[in-house]
């Protein structure tokens, strides 16, 4: 029976969340938007659309318009200036999954072209059977649509699916889809509520790999 592992990208595969925050903070500072990390962290794992919508709710409309325009170039300069830093254990996990014929897909809130460019820059494109970007779904995490779309890659029970996530929005989306989810914390540290929502919480992707090998997760 084919098994499917669904990967989030930012903060799970790549150490990119600090880069997104750095780029957004730079843009906000230039424009004069009182933006800080406490605002940003609420939307980790959410789509750009939801993030910008929240900015319109909190900040001056004309400044947010300027932010949306300027942040594109600021983000590119920060995000694509060098290959992304891989999270610990990622390549070992991907090697094992490929060798053992698991299906793998990236389901990210980032735009698909950004996901594809980061995968290419990291030399990881060949590991994945599919990529779904946030711009390919109508509803962003915590809505389950992106994970339900990923499931279309296999024809099997939910027990043959495992979602790997680092964000609360991603975990909520997996729960809404009734998919088992493992949290690998990045910027957001797990609390008792997150522990109840997840199959397991692993320190890093090496721990995920070891538990998959011992059939404790899928």
Protein backbone atom coordinates (compact mmCIF):
# COMPACT_ATOMS: atom_id res chain seq x y z
CA UNK A 1 0.00 0.00 0.00
CA UNK A 2 1.40 3.40 -0.99
CA UNK A 3 1.90 5.83 1.88
CA UNK A 4 1.93 9.61 1.58
CA UNK A 5 3.97 12.10 3.57
CA UNK A 6 2.82 15.72 3.26
CA UNK A 7 5.46 18.33 4.04
CA UNK A 8 4.94 21.92 5.00
CA UNK A 9 7.90 23.98 3.73
CA UNK A 10 8.74 27.15 5.66
CA UNK A 11 10.04 26.30 9.11
CA UNK A 12 9.65 22.56 8.52
CA UNK A 13 11.98 21.88 5.58
CA UNK A 14 13.84 25.17 5.36
CA UNK A 15 14.88 27.68 8.00
CA UNK A 16 13.05 30.42 6.11
CA UNK A 17 10.61 31.83 8.67
CA UNK A 18 13.23 34.21 10.16
CA UNK A 19 13.97 35.41 6.61
CA UNK A 20 10.31 36.16 5.90
CA UNK A 21 10.09 38.09 9.14
CA UNK A 22 13.34 39.98 8.45
CA UNK A 23 12.18 41.01 4.96
CA UNK A 24 8.73 42.07 6.16
CA UNK A 25 10.16 44.02 9.09
CA UNK A 26 12.57 45.85 6.78
CA UNK A 27 9.73 46.85 4.47
CA UNK A 28 7.48 47.93 7.33
CA UNK A 29 10.25 50.02 8.92
CA UNK A 30 10.93 51.86 5.65
CA UNK A 31 7.26 52.73 5.22
CA UNK A 32 6.59 53.54 8.87
CA UNK A 33 4.19 50.71 9.72
CA UNK A 34 4.31 49.79 13.46
CA UNK A 35 4.84 46.12 12.61
CA UNK A 36 6.56 43.73 15.02
CA UNK A 37 7.12 40.04 15.64
CA UNK A 38 4.11 39.68 17.94
CA UNK A 39 1.91 40.59 14.96
CA UNK A 40 3.85 38.46 12.46
CA UNK A 41 3.82 35.25 14.50
CA UNK A 42 0.02 35.09 14.48
CA UNK A 43 0.11 34.46 10.72
CA UNK A 44 2.94 31.94 10.49
CA UNK A 45 1.63 29.21 8.20
CA UNK A 46 -1.12 31.41 6.77
CA UNK A 47 -1.32 32.64 3.19
CA UNK A 48 -0.14 36.03 1.95
CA UNK A 49 -3.78 36.93 1.30
CA UNK A 50 -4.75 36.37 4.93
CA UNK A 51 -1.60 38.12 6.16
CA UNK A 52 -2.25 41.20 4.04
CA UNK A 53 -5.92 41.22 5.01
CA UNK A 54 -4.90 41.34 8.66
CA UNK A 55 -2.52 44.19 7.92
CA UNK A 56 -5.37 46.18 6.37
CA UNK A 57 -7.37 45.60 9.56
CA UNK A 58 -4.59 46.96 11.76
CA UNK A 59 -2.64 49.56 9.78
CA UNK A 60 -3.11 52.54 7.45
CA UNK A 61 -4.53 51.38 4.11
CA UNK A 62 -2.22 53.45 1.90
CA UNK A 63 0.83 52.24 3.80
CA UNK A 64 -0.28 48.62 3.47
CA UNK A 65 -0.74 49.16 -0.28
CA UNK A 66 2.88 50.35 -0.40
CA UNK A 67 4.01 47.47 1.80
CA UNK A 68 2.50 44.90 -0.56
CA UNK A 69 4.30 46.48 -3.52
CA UNK A 70 7.68 46.96 -1.84
CA UNK A 71 7.77 43.67 0.05
CA UNK A 72 8.03 41.64 -3.16
CA UNK A 73 11.54 42.88 -3.96
CA UNK A 74 12.64 42.98 -0.33
CA UNK A 75 11.58 39.36 0.10
CA UNK A 76 13.34 38.24 -3.07
CA UNK A 77 16.59 39.92 -2.02
CA UNK A 78 16.52 38.17 1.36
CA UNK A 79 15.02 34.81 0.39
CA UNK A 80 16.90 34.03 -2.82
CA UNK A 81 20.31 35.54 -2.05
CA UNK A 82 21.62 32.06 -1.16
CA UNK A 83 20.33 28.46 -1.11
CA UNK A 84 17.93 27.92 1.80
CA UNK A 85 19.28 26.48 5.04
CA UNK A 86 17.96 22.93 5.39
CA UNK A 87 16.41 21.81 8.64
CA UNK A 88 18.28 19.08 10.50
CA UNK A 89 17.54 15.59 9.19
CA UNK A 90 15.67 16.67 6.05
CA UNK A 91 17.86 14.97 3.44
CA UNK A 92 18.16 11.75 5.47
CA UNK A 93 14.38 11.62 5.80
CA UNK A 94 13.82 12.29 2.09
CA UNK A 95 16.40 9.66 1.11
CA UNK A 96 14.63 7.05 3.25
CA UNK A 97 11.18 7.93 1.91
CA UNK A 98 12.35 7.78 -1.70
CA UNK A 99 14.18 4.48 -1.22
CA UNK A 100 11.08 2.96 0.39
CA UNK A 101 8.68 4.28 -2.26
CA UNK A 102 6.64 6.65 -0.14
CA UNK A 103 4.77 9.37 -2.00
CA UNK A 104 5.84 12.86 -0.96
CA UNK A 105 4.27 16.25 -1.59
CA UNK A 106 4.94 19.79 -0.43
CA UNK A 107 1.79 21.63 0.69
CA UNK A 108 2.86 25.19 1.43
CA UNK A 109 1.07 28.47 2.01
CA UNK A 110 3.78 30.15 -0.07
CA UNK A 111 3.19 30.75 -3.77
CA UNK A 112 4.01 27.72 -5.90
CA UNK A 113 6.71 29.57 -7.87
CA UNK A 114 8.47 30.42 -4.60
CA UNK A 115 8.27 26.79 -3.43
CA UNK A 116 9.63 25.51 -6.75
CA UNK A 117 12.51 28.01 -6.75
CA UNK A 118 13.52 27.15 -3.20
CA UNK A 119 13.37 23.41 -3.94
CA UNK A 120 15.49 23.95 -7.05
CA UNK A 121 18.02 26.10 -5.20
CA UNK A 122 18.31 23.44 -2.50
CA UNK A 123 18.65 20.59 -5.01
CA UNK A 124 15.60 18.78 -3.63
CA UNK A 125 13.11 18.88 -6.51
CA UNK A 126 13.63 15.22 -7.46
CA UNK A 127 12.46 14.00 -4.05
CA UNK A 128 8.86 15.15 -4.44
CA UNK A 129 5.93 13.71 -6.35
CA UNK A 130 3.96 16.92 -6.15
CA UNK A 131 3.95 20.53 -5.01
CA UNK A 132 0.89 22.55 -4.01
CA UNK A 133 1.25 26.27 -3.38
CA UNK A 134 -1.01 28.56 -1.44
CA UNK A 135 -2.01 30.31 -4.66
CA UNK A 136 -3.52 27.04 -5.96
CA UNK A 137 -6.26 26.79 -3.32
CA UNK A 138 -9.22 28.99 -2.52
CA UNK A 139 -8.82 28.72 1.25
CA UNK A 140 -5.53 28.89 3.15
CA UNK A 141 -4.51 27.02 6.29
CA UNK A 142 -6.12 26.48 8.80
CA UNK A 143 -8.70 25.42 6.18
CA UNK A 144 -8.02 21.79 5.14
CA UNK A 145 -8.27 22.37 1.36
CA UNK A 146 -4.53 22.22 0.65
CA UNK A 147 -4.15 18.88 2.45
CA UNK A 148 -7.27 17.44 0.85
CA UNK A 149 -5.80 18.34 -2.53
CA UNK A 150 -2.53 16.64 -1.59
CA UNK A 151 -4.41 13.47 -0.70
CA UNK A 152 -5.51 13.11 -4.31
CA UNK A 153 -2.03 11.72 -5.01
CA UNK A 154 -2.94 8.39 -3.44
CA UNK A 155 -6.00 6.20 -3.27
CA UNK A 156 -5.91 4.83 0.23
CA UNK A 157 -7.04 5.26 3.83
CA UNK A 158 -6.21 8.25 6.00
CA UNK A 159 -4.04 5.94 8.10
CA UNK A 160 -1.61 5.87 5.14
CA UNK A 161 -1.14 9.66 5.29
CA UNK A 162 1.12 11.67 7.59
CA UNK A 163 1.38 15.46 7.69
CA UNK A 164 4.55 17.15 8.97
CA UNK A 165 4.01 20.69 10.25
CA UNK A 166 5.62 23.35 12.41
CA UNK A 167 2.79 25.90 12.68
CA UNK A 168 -0.49 26.00 14.56
CA UNK A 169 -2.35 26.97 11.37
CA UNK A 170 -0.94 23.90 9.62
CA UNK A 171 -1.83 21.64 12.53
CA UNK A 172 -5.39 22.99 12.57
CA UNK A 173 -5.65 22.37 8.82
CA UNK A 174 -4.52 18.76 9.21
CA UNK A 175 -7.00 18.27 12.05
CA UNK A 176 -9.80 19.71 9.91
CA UNK A 177 -8.90 17.19 7.19
CA UNK A 178 -8.76 14.39 9.80
CA UNK A 179 -5.17 13.65 8.80
CA UNK A 180 -2.61 12.48 11.38
CA UNK A 181 -0.10 15.28 11.96
CA UNK A 182 3.29 15.45 13.62
CA UNK A 183 4.63 18.78 14.83
CA UNK A 184 8.31 19.61 14.43
CA UNK A 185 8.52 22.94 16.27
CA UNK A 186 10.31 25.91 14.76
CA UNK A 187 9.52 29.46 15.91
CA UNK A 188 6.35 28.44 17.74
CA UNK A 189 6.88 26.19 20.73
CA UNK A 190 4.25 23.54 21.47
CA UNK A 191 1.78 23.96 24.31
CA UNK A 192 -0.64 21.50 25.88
CA UNK A 193 -3.32 22.35 23.30
CA UNK A 194 -0.99 21.56 20.38
CA UNK A 195 0.02 18.28 22.02
CA UNK A 196 -3.63 17.22 22.04
CA UNK A 197 -3.98 18.09 18.34
CA UNK A 198 -0.96 16.09 17.14
CA UNK A 199 -0.02 12.45 16.79
CA UNK A 200 3.42 13.32 18.15
CA UNK A 201 5.82 16.22 18.65
CA UNK A 202 9.34 15.54 17.38
CA UNK A 203 12.43 17.58 18.17
CA UNK A 204 13.67 17.44 14.57
CA UNK A 205 13.32 15.50 11.31
CA UNK A 206 15.87 12.91 12.45
CA UNK A 207 13.43 11.96 15.20
CA UNK A 208 10.62 11.80 12.62
CA UNK A 209 12.77 9.48 10.48
CA UNK A 210 13.58 7.17 13.38
CA UNK A 211 9.92 6.89 14.36
CA UNK A 212 8.83 6.22 10.77
CA UNK A 213 11.46 3.48 10.57
CA UNK A 214 10.10 1.90 13.74
CA UNK A 215 6.52 2.27 12.42
CA UNK A 216 5.45 4.47 15.32
CA UNK A 217 3.99 7.19 13.09
CA UNK A 218 2.73 5.60 9.86
